[in-house]
Amino acid sequence: MPNFKNPVWLRSAPNPRYPALAGDLTVDVAIVGGGITGITAARLLQNAGRRVAVIESRRVGKGETERTTAHLTEALDTRYHALISKFGVEGARLAAEGQRTAIGTIAKFVERLSIPCDFRRVPGFLFAERQDQVGELQREAAAAKRLGLLAALTDEVPLPFPTALGLRFEAQATFHPRIYLQALAEAFVAGGGQILEETQVGEIEDGEPCLVITERGVVTAAKVIVATHVPVSTRLLLHTKLAAYRTYAVAVDMPPGFDGLFWDLAEPYHYLRYQTVEERSYLIAGGQDHKVGEHEDTTEPFDKLEHYVRDHFGRPVAATDYRWSGQVIEPVDGLPYVGVNPGSDHVYVATGFSGNGMTQGTLSALMLADQLAGTKTPWDDLLDATRFKPLASAKAFVTENVTFPKQLIKDRLPRPGMEGLGTIAQGEGEVLALDGQRLAVYRNSNGELSALSAVCTHLGCQVQWNTAEKSWDCPCHGSRFDPQGRVLNGPAVTPLEAQPLPFVQEETPERAEAEEARQRGQHPDDDDLDAGVGLADSSPPSDHG
């Protein structure tokens, strides 16, 4: 069976370890989350003379940053003609300028630190395969012209299959995200910064000073940045404006057939690029997004991507090629939320990057570094984390948040009981009704069963089993847990509670060791994580950005 947790970036990037927090610590700024947003902000704040500590629940870059497809582009997931209708011409122009600024910032870091991450400027193409999609492309081209973007319609889309029309964006870029991030982290540590891995944050107290409370000690700071992809600093205020989606990618070993970034207008859409890794060329194809926890079989999107590659490129996807999925956080009005956390004075957040995590994570870091210095940025009002624009987001707000009550109602429906235990295969899980409880039951590779409460520790929805990621996923707000119940993605910060099964299993050394590790809150080694066992970092996975 193919490995569904195997990003192509893992092959060639270093993965140095940093120590865990060992007791209490005082700094100027504490950053929760060691992904693109957190590490970039840390380096910028360090350059401004601040003492900074980055607190990461797992390893640097091991969350959504390594699950990106790393498109650096001005072409946002929300079309510019839609942004004009929601935020006006000036707001849409600022959004585009933010993307350009982020790409330029990455380019400057690459140059200054001499990072060998294969950063290249390339064109980007939004393209229509069918004639009935041309009108959408023409509307976007008109919006791009109105905003002053370097973009124009073209009949020449350099793909090996027919297209109806394309919109070409100049001076976009690609890079190797993991090599880039690790180089930034190393420069930050070399400059005296602290990265604290394997340190789970349980609570953040706003105040003067702020307290970041972990199981290993308390970090005291004047300011806190929460860069965890989904904020762990607010229980509900921001999460009603966010929706979590899974997105999928494959990397196919094949000679390069085009140069650039490509995004189609299908629903769900696809995105394409090439990447050279250790002198081998890979076609990266992504897409097939769906809401977290609302797909019965999460290996099916990989099958659809493989069919897409075979049909469009004439190349079957081999079991040895790379497959991975990630989590995309969609904001209800189409733009991210960056700035002071709702209800806080000294805690800042950055979230809702859609499929543009590399660029919007970088822009967020730039904004937050300036905001902490008391400097206003051009994007402060546009991306204000406390905003709610009824005309821009009311429909999406209702559509996305219907999931919460729907899942609470769904949770109360009867589910298979004892007879369901025998149907669980090794390495798989299922939610069952046993002795009046909803239990998340998992069978390990030795055939042994274990059980957890199936109730998400964030707001009480019922988790669902993810067959590809081997995780328990919450469909309400996107929290994810490994088979042993440990947090993989927020907003949850507390593990799923272990529960006894209604019969006695024979105790084994393996079960005792697993339970001891779970009680300590430790994550398995990263090699095990990548193989399928397992709070997150700051930017989307397998997003196209």
Protein backbone atom coordinates (compact mmCIF):
# COMPACT_ATOMS: atom_id res chain seq x y z
CA MET A 1 0.00 0.00 0.00
CA PRO A 2 1.34 3.50 -0.80
CA ASN A 3 2.45 5.79 2.00
CA PHE A 4 -0.12 8.59 2.29
CA LYS A 5 2.00 10.67 4.71
CA ASN A 6 5.09 11.25 2.63
CA PRO A 7 5.68 14.84 1.36
CA VAL A 8 8.35 15.08 -1.33
CA TRP A 9 10.13 17.74 0.77
CA LEU A 10 11.23 15.12 3.30
CA ARG A 11 13.84 13.62 0.97
CA SER A 12 16.46 16.33 0.97
CA ALA A 13 15.90 18.75 3.85
CA PRO A 14 17.80 18.72 7.14
CA ASN A 15 15.78 18.18 10.30
CA PRO A 16 17.86 19.33 13.29
CA ARG A 17 16.42 18.83 16.75
CA TYR A 18 15.95 21.62 19.25
CA PRO A 19 15.53 21.12 23.00
CA ALA A 20 12.25 21.09 24.86
CA LEU A 21 11.43 23.73 27.44
CA ALA A 22 13.11 22.84 30.75
CA GLY A 23 11.48 25.00 33.41
CA ASP A 24 10.25 28.58 33.43
CA LEU A 25 11.56 31.17 30.97
CA THR A 26 11.18 34.94 30.47
CA VAL A 27 11.48 36.63 27.04
CA ASP A 28 10.21 39.74 25.28
CA VAL A 29 8.05 37.81 22.81
CA ALA A 30 6.80 34.22 22.94
CA ILE A 31 5.74 32.70 19.62
CA VAL A 32 3.55 29.59 19.69
CA GLY A 33 4.07 27.57 16.50
CA GLY A 34 7.24 26.74 14.58
CA GLY A 35 6.07 26.97 10.99
CA ILE A 36 6.46 29.61 8.30
CA THR A 37 4.68 32.36 10.25
CA GLY A 38 6.31 31.66 13.60
CA ILE A 39 9.89 31.25 12.40
CA THR A 40 9.69 34.23 10.02
CA ALA A 41 8.27 36.45 12.76
CA ALA A 42 10.94 35.23 15.18
CA ARG A 43 13.74 36.20 12.81
CA LEU A 44 12.21 39.61 12.07
CA LEU A 45 11.68 40.38 15.77
CA GLN A 46 15.20 39.21 16.58
CA ASN A 47 16.56 41.58 13.93
CA ALA A 48 14.65 44.35 15.74
CA GLY A 49 16.44 43.55 19.00
CA ARG A 50 13.78 41.46 20.77
CA ARG A 51 14.46 38.36 22.90
CA VAL A 52 12.25 35.72 21.35
CA ALA A 53 11.34 32.10 22.10
CA VAL A 54 9.46 29.85 19.67
CA ILE A 55 7.39 27.13 21.34
CA GLU A 56 6.51 24.17 19.10
CA SER A 57 4.47 21.15 20.18
CA ARG A 58 6.23 18.85 17.73
CA ARG A 59 9.21 19.73 15.53
CA VAL A 60 9.95 22.85 13.51
CA GLY A 61 8.21 22.64 10.14
CA LYS A 62 6.57 19.30 10.92
CA GLY A 63 3.02 20.62 10.79
CA GLU A 64 1.34 22.24 7.82
CA THR A 65 4.46 23.94 6.45
CA GLU A 66 5.90 20.64 5.22
CA ARG A 67 2.54 19.73 3.69
CA THR A 68 2.41 22.68 1.33
CA THR A 69 2.85 22.48 -2.43
CA ALA A 70 4.76 25.78 -2.15
CA HIS A 71 3.24 28.04 -4.80
CA LEU A 72 4.44 31.62 -4.24
CA THR A 73 1.89 33.63 -6.13
CA GLU A 74 -0.30 36.71 -6.35
CA ALA A 75 -3.20 34.54 -7.55
CA LEU A 76 -5.26 34.21 -4.38
CA ASP A 77 -7.72 31.38 -3.77
CA THR A 78 -10.46 34.02 -3.60
CA ARG A 79 -10.67 35.59 -7.04
CA TYR A 80 -9.85 39.28 -7.29
CA HIS A 81 -13.20 40.17 -8.85
CA ALA A 82 -14.84 38.65 -5.75
CA LEU A 83 -12.49 40.56 -3.43
CA ILE A 84 -13.37 43.82 -5.19
CA SER A 85 -17.04 43.18 -4.51
CA LYS A 86 -16.31 42.44 -0.84
CA PHE A 87 -13.52 44.88 0.05
CA GLY A 88 -13.57 47.44 -2.75
CA VAL A 89 -10.86 48.19 -5.28
CA GLU A 90 -8.47 49.55 -2.65
CA GLY A 91 -8.89 46.51 -0.41
CA ALA A 92 -8.31 44.09 -3.28
CA ARG A 93 -5.27 46.12 -4.40
CA LEU A 94 -3.82 45.91 -0.88
CA ALA A 95 -4.37 42.14 -0.88
CA ALA A 96 -2.40 41.84 -4.12
CA GLU A 97 0.36 44.10 -2.80
CA GLY A 98 0.59 41.89 0.27
CA GLN A 99 1.25 38.85 -1.91
CA ARG A 100 3.97 40.69 -3.85
CA THR A 101 5.54 41.90 -0.61
CA ALA A 102 5.62 38.38 0.80
CA ILE A 103 7.28 36.90 -2.29
CA GLY A 104 9.83 39.71 -2.22
CA THR A 105 10.54 39.11 1.47
CA ILE A 106 11.20 35.41 0.84
CA ALA A 107 13.52 36.35 -2.05
CA LYS A 108 15.47 38.73 0.23
CA PHE A 109 15.89 36.10 2.95
CA VAL A 110 17.09 33.58 0.35
CA GLU A 111 19.68 36.08 -0.93
CA ARG A 112 20.88 37.36 2.45
CA LEU A 113 21.23 33.94 4.04
CA SER A 114 22.36 32.18 0.82
CA ILE A 115 19.64 29.54 1.27
CA PRO A 116 19.98 26.70 -1.31
CA CYS A 117 16.20 26.23 -1.58
CA ASP A 118 15.91 26.43 -5.40
CA PHE A 119 14.04 29.76 -5.32
CA ARG A 120 13.04 30.61 -8.90
CA ARG A 121 10.87 33.26 -10.52
CA VAL A 122 8.34 31.66 -12.88
CA PRO A 123 5.05 32.67 -14.53
CA GLY A 124 1.74 31.51 -13.09
CA PHE A 125 -1.33 30.50 -15.11
CA LEU A 126 -4.96 30.40 -14.06
CA PHE A 127 -6.48 28.37 -16.89
CA ALA A 128 -9.79 27.15 -18.26
CA GLU A 129 -10.04 23.69 -19.78
CA ARG A 130 -13.61 24.19 -20.97
CA GLN A 131 -15.24 26.93 -22.99
CA ASP A 132 -17.91 27.47 -20.33
CA GLN A 133 -15.17 28.56 -17.90
CA VAL A 134 -13.84 31.34 -20.13
CA GLY A 135 -16.22 33.96 -18.77
CA GLU A 136 -14.87 33.47 -15.23
CA LEU A 137 -11.33 33.90 -16.54
CA GLN A 138 -12.25 37.06 -18.43
CA ARG A 139 -13.84 38.57 -15.28
CA GLU A 140 -10.65 37.82 -13.34
CA ALA A 141 -8.48 39.32 -16.09
CA ALA A 142 -10.53 42.53 -15.98
CA ALA A 143 -10.16 42.67 -12.19
CA ALA A 144 -6.40 42.06 -12.41
CA LYS A 145 -6.03 44.89 -14.93
CA ARG A 146 -8.07 47.20 -12.71
CA LEU A 147 -5.76 46.45 -9.79
CA GLY A 148 -2.57 46.97 -11.79
CA LEU A 149 -1.36 43.35 -11.66
CA LEU A 150 1.11 42.10 -14.24
CA ALA A 151 -1.41 39.65 -15.69
CA ALA A 152 -2.93 39.18 -19.13
CA LEU A 153 -5.08 36.69 -21.03
CA THR A 154 -3.24 34.26 -23.29
CA ASP A 155 -4.05 31.41 -25.66
CA GLU A 156 -0.61 29.91 -24.98
CA VAL A 157 -0.79 27.85 -21.80
CA PRO A 158 2.28 25.56 -21.84
CA LEU A 159 0.58 22.35 -20.70
CA PRO A 160 0.56 18.97 -22.50
CA PHE A 161 -3.25 18.94 -22.80
CA PRO A 162 -5.77 21.29 -24.47
CA THR A 163 -6.90 24.46 -22.68
CA ALA A 164 -9.52 27.03 -23.70
CA LEU A 165 -7.78 30.14 -22.31
CA GLY A 166 -5.28 31.21 -19.67
CA LEU A 167 -4.57 34.22 -17.45
CA ARG A 168 -0.80 34.61 -17.12
CA PHE A 169 0.69 36.22 -13.99
CA GLU A 170 4.30 37.40 -14.30
CA ALA A 171 7.10 37.04 -11.71
CA GLN A 172 5.60 34.39 -9.45
CA ALA A 173 7.98 31.93 -7.72
CA THR A 174 8.70 28.43 -6.43
CA PHE A 175 11.07 27.11 -3.76
CA HIS A 176 11.80 24.18 -1.43
CA PRO A 177 9.86 25.22 1.71
CA ARG A 178 11.53 22.93 4.21
CA ILE A 179 15.09 23.89 3.28
CA TYR A 180 14.05 27.54 3.44
CA LEU A 181 12.38 27.22 6.84
CA GLN A 182 15.21 25.25 8.43
CA ALA A 183 17.73 27.85 7.24
CA LEU A 184 15.64 30.64 8.82
CA ALA A 185 15.42 28.65 12.05
CA GLU A 186 19.17 28.03 12.14
CA ALA A 187 19.88 31.74 11.57
CA PHE A 188 17.45 32.62 14.37
CA VAL A 189 19.13 30.24 16.83
CA ALA A 190 22.61 31.35 15.75
CA GLY A 191 21.55 34.90 16.59
CA GLY A 192 20.64 33.92 20.15
CA GLY A 193 16.98 32.96 19.70
CA GLN A 194 15.43 29.93 21.39
CA ILE A 195 13.37 27.20 19.75
CA LEU A 196 11.63 24.86 22.17
CA GLU A 197 10.34 21.69 20.52
CA GLU A 198 8.11 18.92 21.92
CA THR A 199 6.49 21.49 24.22
CA GLN A 200 2.71 21.47 24.18
CA VAL A 201 1.00 24.74 25.09
CA GLY A 202 -2.04 24.19 27.27
CA GLU A 203 -3.13 27.74 28.04
CA ILE A 204 -2.26 31.33 27.20
CA GLU A 205 -3.05 34.07 29.73
CA ASP A 206 -3.21 37.61 28.41
CA GLY A 207 -1.85 40.22 30.80
CA GLU A 208 1.10 42.35 31.79
CA PRO A 209 3.02 40.14 31.42
CA CYS A 210 1.43 37.29 29.42
CA LEU A 211 1.86 33.67 30.50
CA VAL A 212 2.26 30.75 28.10
CA ILE A 213 1.56 27.69 30.21
CA THR A 214 2.97 24.33 29.10
CA GLU A 215 3.43 20.94 30.70
CA ARG A 216 7.17 21.68 30.96
CA GLY A 217 7.09 25.17 32.46
CA VAL A 218 5.73 28.68 32.03
CA VAL A 219 7.04 31.17 29.47
CA THR A 220 6.55 34.79 30.57
CA ALA A 221 6.49 37.44 27.84
CA ALA A 222 5.33 40.98 27.21
CA LYS A 223 3.70 39.86 23.95
CA VAL A 224 2.57 36.52 22.53
CA ILE A 225 2.09 35.56 18.89
CA VAL A 226 -0.09 32.51 18.24
CA ALA A 227 1.07 31.10 14.89
CA THR A 228 -0.48 27.64 15.10
CA HIS A 229 -2.44 27.58 11.83
CA VAL A 230 -5.64 27.55 13.91
CA PRO A 231 -5.41 29.73 17.04
CA VAL A 232 -5.30 27.98 20.41
CA SER A 233 -5.72 31.28 22.26
CA THR A 234 -9.48 31.68 21.81
CA ARG A 235 -12.10 29.01 22.26
CA LEU A 236 -14.82 30.29 19.96
CA LEU A 237 -14.66 33.98 18.97
CA LEU A 238 -12.44 33.47 15.91
CA HIS A 239 -13.28 29.86 15.05
CA THR A 240 -16.80 30.68 13.85
CA LYS A 241 -15.15 32.67 11.04
CA LEU A 242 -12.91 29.79 9.95
CA ALA A 243 -13.52 26.48 8.19
CA ALA A 244 -11.00 23.61 8.02
CA TYR A 245 -10.51 21.65 4.79
CA ARG A 246 -8.29 18.72 3.86
CA THR A 247 -6.28 19.08 0.66
CA TYR A 248 -4.26 16.40 -1.16
CA ALA A 249 -1.09 16.19 -3.24
CA VAL A 250 1.01 13.69 -5.19
CA ALA A 251 4.56 14.12 -6.48
CA VAL A 252 5.28 11.99 -9.54
CA ASP A 253 8.82 11.18 -10.67
CA MET A 254 8.87 12.42 -14.28
CA PRO A 255 10.87 14.77 -16.53
CA PRO A 256 9.78 18.41 -16.52
CA GLY A 257 7.19 19.18 -19.19
CA PHE A 258 6.51 22.85 -18.43
CA ASP A 259 7.83 25.75 -16.37
CA GLY A 260 5.52 27.69 -14.09
CA LEU A 261 2.62 27.44 -11.67
CA PHE A 262 -0.82 26.32 -12.86
CA TRP A 263 -4.33 26.40 -11.33
CA ASP A 264 -7.50 25.27 -13.06
CA LEU A 265 -11.13 26.32 -12.62
CA ALA A 266 -12.51 22.87 -11.81
CA GLU A 267 -14.54 22.18 -8.67
CA PRO A 268 -12.71 20.92 -6.67
CA TYR A 269 -9.80 22.56 -8.41
CA HIS A 270 -6.28 21.30 -9.22
CA TYR A 271 -2.88 22.96 -9.04
CA LEU A 272 0.36 21.93 -10.75
CA ARG A 273 4.09 22.63 -10.67
CA TYR A 274 7.45 20.87 -10.98
CA GLN A 275 10.15 20.61 -8.32
CA THR A 276 13.69 19.25 -8.49
CA VAL A 277 14.70 17.26 -5.42
CA GLU A 278 18.15 15.67 -5.26
CA GLU A 279 18.55 16.10 -9.02
CA ARG A 280 15.28 14.32 -9.79
CA SER A 281 12.28 16.11 -11.25
CA TYR A 282 8.78 15.68 -9.80
CA LEU A 283 5.42 16.80 -11.07
CA ILE A 284 3.43 18.00 -8.04
CA ALA A 285 -0.34 17.85 -8.49
CA GLY A 286 -2.70 18.94 -5.73
CA GLY A 287 -6.38 19.48 -5.02
CA GLN A 288 -9.50 17.43 -4.21
CA ASP A 289 -10.24 19.57 -1.12
CA HIS A 290 -13.10 18.72 1.25
CA LYS A 291 -14.16 19.74 4.74
CA VAL A 292 -12.34 18.00 7.57
CA GLY A 293 -14.10 14.89 8.85
CA GLU A 294 -16.73 14.84 6.10
CA HIS A 295 -15.28 12.22 3.77
CA GLU A 296 -15.84 8.53 4.43
CA ASP A 297 -12.63 7.31 2.78
CA THR A 298 -9.74 9.79 2.70
CA THR A 299 -7.72 7.59 0.33
CA GLU A 300 -10.31 8.28 -2.41
CA PRO A 301 -9.07 11.87 -3.10
CA PHE A 302 -5.64 10.38 -3.83
CA ASP A 303 -7.23 8.00 -6.32
CA LYS A 304 -8.90 10.95 -8.05
CA LEU A 305 -5.62 12.89 -8.20
CA GLU A 306 -3.87 9.86 -9.66
CA HIS A 307 -6.59 9.56 -12.31
CA TYR A 308 -6.12 13.27 -13.08
CA VAL A 309 -2.36 12.82 -13.57
CA ARG A 310 -2.82 9.74 -15.73
CA ASP A 311 -5.54 11.34 -17.86
CA HIS A 312 -3.74 14.68 -18.35
CA PHE A 313 -0.09 13.58 -18.48
CA GLY A 314 -0.31 9.94 -19.58
CA ARG A 315 1.70 8.87 -16.56
CA PRO A 316 0.51 6.30 -13.99
CA VAL A 317 1.35 7.15 -10.39
CA ALA A 318 3.63 4.48 -8.88
CA ALA A 319 3.47 3.25 -5.29
CA THR A 320 6.96 4.72 -4.80
CA ASP A 321 5.85 8.24 -5.75
CA TYR A 322 4.98 10.74 -3.01
CA ARG A 323 1.54 11.31 -1.49
CA TRP A 324 0.48 13.61 1.32
CA SER A 325 -2.41 15.69 2.57
CA GLY A 326 -2.67 18.86 4.58
CA GLN A 327 -5.11 21.23 6.22
CA VAL A 328 -6.31 24.49 4.70
CA ILE A 329 -8.10 27.06 6.86
CA GLU A 330 -10.65 29.08 4.93
CA PRO A 331 -11.82 32.51 6.22
CA VAL A 332 -15.47 33.37 5.66
CA ASP A 333 -14.75 36.58 3.73
CA GLY A 334 -11.75 35.40 1.70
CA LEU A 335 -8.84 37.09 3.52
CA PRO A 336 -6.78 36.03 6.58
CA TYR A 337 -7.16 37.32 10.13
CA VAL A 338 -4.00 38.98 11.46
CA GLY A 339 -3.48 41.13 14.53
CA VAL A 340 -4.59 41.35 18.14
CA ASN A 341 -6.55 38.28 19.19
CA PRO A 342 -10.27 39.02 19.72
CA GLY A 343 -10.77 39.81 23.41
CA SER A 344 -7.04 40.23 24.11
CA ASP A 345 -4.64 43.13 24.55
CA HIS A 346 -1.21 41.54 24.20
CA VAL A 347 -1.86 38.27 22.33
CA TYR A 348 -1.69 38.30 18.53
CA VAL A 349 -2.92 35.76 15.96
CA ALA A 350 -2.53 34.91 12.28
CA THR A 351 -4.86 32.44 10.61
CA GLY A 352 -7.17 31.80 7.65
CA PHE A 353 -4.53 31.59 4.91
CA SER A 354 -6.64 29.47 2.51
CA GLY A 355 -4.33 27.84 -0.04
CA ASN A 356 -1.74 30.63 0.17
CA GLY A 357 0.03 29.67 3.37
CA MET A 358 3.63 30.39 2.35
CA THR A 359 2.91 33.93 1.22
CA GLN A 360 0.21 34.88 3.71
CA GLY A 361 2.21 33.35 6.56
CA THR A 362 5.16 35.51 5.53
CA LEU A 363 3.01 38.63 5.20
CA SER A 364 1.48 37.95 8.61
CA ALA A 365 4.94 37.72 10.15
CA LEU A 366 5.90 41.07 8.61
CA MET A 367 2.70 42.67 9.91
CA LEU A 368 3.02 41.27 13.44
CA ALA A 369 6.67 42.26 13.76
CA ASP A 370 5.71 45.85 12.89
CA GLN A 371 2.61 45.85 15.10
CA LEU A 372 4.62 44.72 18.12
CA ALA A 373 6.96 47.63 17.45
CA GLY A 374 4.02 50.03 17.37
CA THR A 375 4.30 50.57 13.61
CA LYS A 376 1.14 50.55 11.50
CA THR A 377 1.19 48.51 8.29
CA PRO A 378 -0.89 49.06 5.13
CA TRP A 379 -2.81 45.82 5.83
CA ASP A 380 -3.77 46.33 9.50
CA ASP A 381 -7.36 47.39 8.87
CA LEU A 382 -7.94 45.07 5.90
CA LEU A 383 -6.82 41.93 7.77
CA ASP A 384 -7.86 42.96 11.30
CA ALA A 385 -8.45 39.76 13.28
CA THR A 386 -11.50 41.24 15.03
CA ARG A 387 -13.31 42.25 11.84
CA PHE A 388 -16.67 40.95 10.70
CA LYS A 389 -17.99 42.28 7.40
CA PRO A 390 -21.63 41.19 7.08
CA LEU A 391 -21.93 41.93 3.36
CA ALA A 392 -18.66 40.12 2.60
CA SER A 393 -19.09 37.06 4.78
CA ALA A 394 -22.66 36.50 5.99
CA LYS A 395 -23.53 33.74 3.49
CA ALA A 396 -20.27 31.86 4.02
CA PHE A 397 -20.57 32.33 7.79
CA VAL A 398 -23.95 30.57 7.84
CA THR A 399 -22.88 27.88 5.36
CA GLU A 400 -19.68 26.94 7.17
CA ASN A 401 -21.06 27.11 10.71
CA VAL A 402 -24.04 24.87 10.00
CA THR A 403 -21.50 22.05 10.39
CA PHE A 404 -21.25 22.64 14.14
CA PRO A 405 -24.90 22.04 15.10
CA LYS A 406 -25.25 19.42 12.37
CA GLN A 407 -22.43 17.40 13.86
CA LEU A 408 -23.79 17.77 17.38
CA ILE A 409 -27.12 16.33 16.17
CA LYS A 410 -25.37 13.64 14.16
CA ASP A 411 -23.37 12.63 17.24
CA ARG A 412 -26.55 11.45 18.95
CA LEU A 413 -27.52 8.94 16.26
CA PRO A 414 -27.06 5.25 17.13
CA ARG A 415 -23.82 3.66 15.94
CA PRO A 416 -22.65 0.02 15.71
CA GLY A 417 -21.96 -1.62 19.08
CA MET A 418 -19.90 -4.67 20.05
CA GLU A 419 -20.38 -6.28 16.66
CA GLY A 420 -18.40 -3.41 15.13
CA LEU A 421 -15.22 -4.31 16.98
CA GLY A 422 -14.55 -7.31 14.79
CA THR A 423 -14.74 -5.25 11.60
CA ILE A 424 -11.85 -2.91 12.51
CA ALA A 425 -8.74 -3.84 10.52
CA GLN A 426 -5.19 -3.46 11.82
CA GLY A 427 -4.03 0.15 11.62
CA GLU A 428 -7.61 1.42 11.36
CA GLY A 429 -10.17 3.06 13.63
CA GLU A 430 -13.92 3.46 13.97
CA VAL A 431 -16.32 5.32 16.24
CA LEU A 432 -18.62 2.85 18.02
CA ALA A 433 -21.40 3.01 20.61
CA LEU A 434 -20.27 0.79 23.49
CA ASP A 435 -21.85 0.67 26.95
CA GLY A 436 -23.71 3.91 26.24
CA GLN A 437 -20.53 5.77 25.26
CA ARG A 438 -19.23 7.00 21.92
CA LEU A 439 -15.74 5.51 21.73
CA ALA A 440 -13.01 6.07 19.15
CA VAL A 441 -11.64 2.54 18.84
CA TYR A 442 -8.30 1.79 17.16
CA ARG A 443 -6.64 -1.54 16.32
CA ASN A 444 -2.84 -1.37 16.19
CA SER A 445 -0.49 -3.38 13.97
CA ASN A 446 -0.37 -6.14 16.61
CA GLY A 447 -4.14 -6.50 16.46
CA GLU A 448 -4.72 -4.95 19.89
CA LEU A 449 -7.66 -2.62 20.46
CA SER A 450 -7.61 0.65 22.40
CA ALA A 451 -10.34 3.20 23.01
CA LEU A 452 -10.64 6.95 23.48
CA SER A 453 -13.55 9.26 24.07
CA ALA A 454 -14.88 10.19 20.64
CA VAL A 455 -15.75 13.70 21.87
CA CYS A 456 -13.40 16.44 20.65
CA THR A 457 -11.85 18.34 23.57
CA HIS A 458 -12.40 21.69 21.86
CA LEU A 459 -16.19 22.11 21.74
CA GLY A 460 -17.58 18.60 22.00
CA CYS A 461 -18.21 17.42 18.45
CA GLN A 462 -17.62 13.80 17.52
CA VAL A 463 -14.35 12.93 15.81
CA GLN A 464 -14.16 10.80 12.66
CA TRP A 465 -11.45 8.37 11.54
CA ASN A 466 -9.13 9.56 8.73
CA THR A 467 -8.06 6.45 6.79
CA ALA A 468 -5.18 8.12 4.93
CA GLU A 469 -3.67 10.14 7.80
CA LYS A 470 -4.47 7.53 10.49
CA SER A 471 -5.91 10.22 12.71
CA TRP A 472 -9.10 11.23 14.53
CA ASP A 473 -10.44 14.40 12.88
CA CYS A 474 -13.11 16.78 14.17
CA PRO A 475 -15.48 18.04 11.45
CA CYS A 476 -16.58 21.11 13.44
CA HIS A 477 -13.40 23.19 13.76
CA GLY A 478 -10.67 20.96 12.33
CA SER A 479 -8.92 19.63 15.45
CA ARG A 480 -7.02 16.41 14.75
CA PHE A 481 -5.60 13.73 17.06
CA ASP A 482 -3.27 10.78 16.50
CA PRO A 483 -4.49 7.19 17.12
CA GLN A 484 -3.47 7.50 20.78
CA GLY A 485 -5.45 10.75 21.17
CA ARG A 486 -2.58 13.27 21.17
CA VAL A 487 -3.22 16.63 19.51
CA LEU A 488 -1.99 16.99 15.93
CA ASN A 489 -3.90 20.16 14.96
CA GLY A 490 -5.66 22.76 17.06
CA PRO A 491 -7.80 24.49 18.12
CA ALA A 492 -7.93 21.62 20.65
CA VAL A 493 -5.01 21.59 23.11
CA THR A 494 -6.10 18.64 25.27
CA PRO A 495 -5.75 14.98 24.19
CA LEU A 496 -8.75 12.72 23.72
CA GLU A 497 -9.41 10.91 26.98
CA ALA A 498 -8.43 7.24 27.17
CA GLN A 499 -11.38 4.95 27.92
CA PRO A 500 -11.57 1.27 28.94
CA LEU A 501 -13.13 -1.14 26.48
CA PRO A 502 -16.01 -3.21 27.88
CA PHE A 503 -13.81 -6.28 28.15
CA VAL A 504 -10.29 -6.92 29.49
CA GLN A 505 -7.36 -7.08 27.08
CA GLU A 506 -4.19 -8.86 28.02
CA GLU A 507 -1.53 -6.35 29.06
CA THR A 508 1.55 -6.35 26.84
CA PRO A 509 4.83 -4.40 27.05
CA GLU A 510 3.87 -2.56 23.84
CA ARG A 511 0.52 -1.43 25.27
CA ALA A 512 2.13 -0.37 28.57
CA GLU A 513 4.81 1.63 26.75
CA ALA A 514 2.26 3.32 24.47
CA GLU A 515 0.04 4.30 27.41
CA GLU A 516 3.03 5.63 29.37
CA ALA A 517 4.06 7.80 26.40
CA ARG A 518 0.48 9.03 25.99
CA GLN A 519 0.30 10.02 29.65
CA ARG A 520 3.56 11.94 29.28
CA GLY A 521 2.07 13.75 26.27
CA GLN A 522 5.02 12.80 24.08
CA HIS A 523 4.76 12.46 20.33
CA PRO A 524 6.32 9.47 18.60
CA ASP A 525 9.57 9.99 16.79
CA ASP A 526 9.11 11.92 13.53
CA ASP A 527 9.97 8.89 11.44
CA ASP A 528 6.95 7.18 13.00
CA LEU A 529 4.83 10.28 12.46
CA ASP A 530 5.63 10.35 8.77
CA ALA A 531 4.86 6.66 8.52
CA GLY A 532 1.38 7.18 9.92
CA VAL A 533 1.31 7.46 13.73
CA GLY A 534 1.45 10.55 15.78
CA LEU A 535 0.12 21.51 18.22
CA ALA A 536 0.63 22.23 14.76
CA ASP A 537 2.54 24.99 13.09
CA SER A 538 1.58 28.05 11.29
CA SER A 539 0.74 27.51 7.68
CA PRO A 540 -1.25 25.29 5.36
CA PRO A 541 -0.40 22.11 4.16
CA SER A 542 -0.61 21.07 0.96
CA ASP A 543 -2.09 24.33 0.09
CA HIS A 544 -0.99 25.72 -3.24
CA GLY A 545 0.86 28.44 -1.37
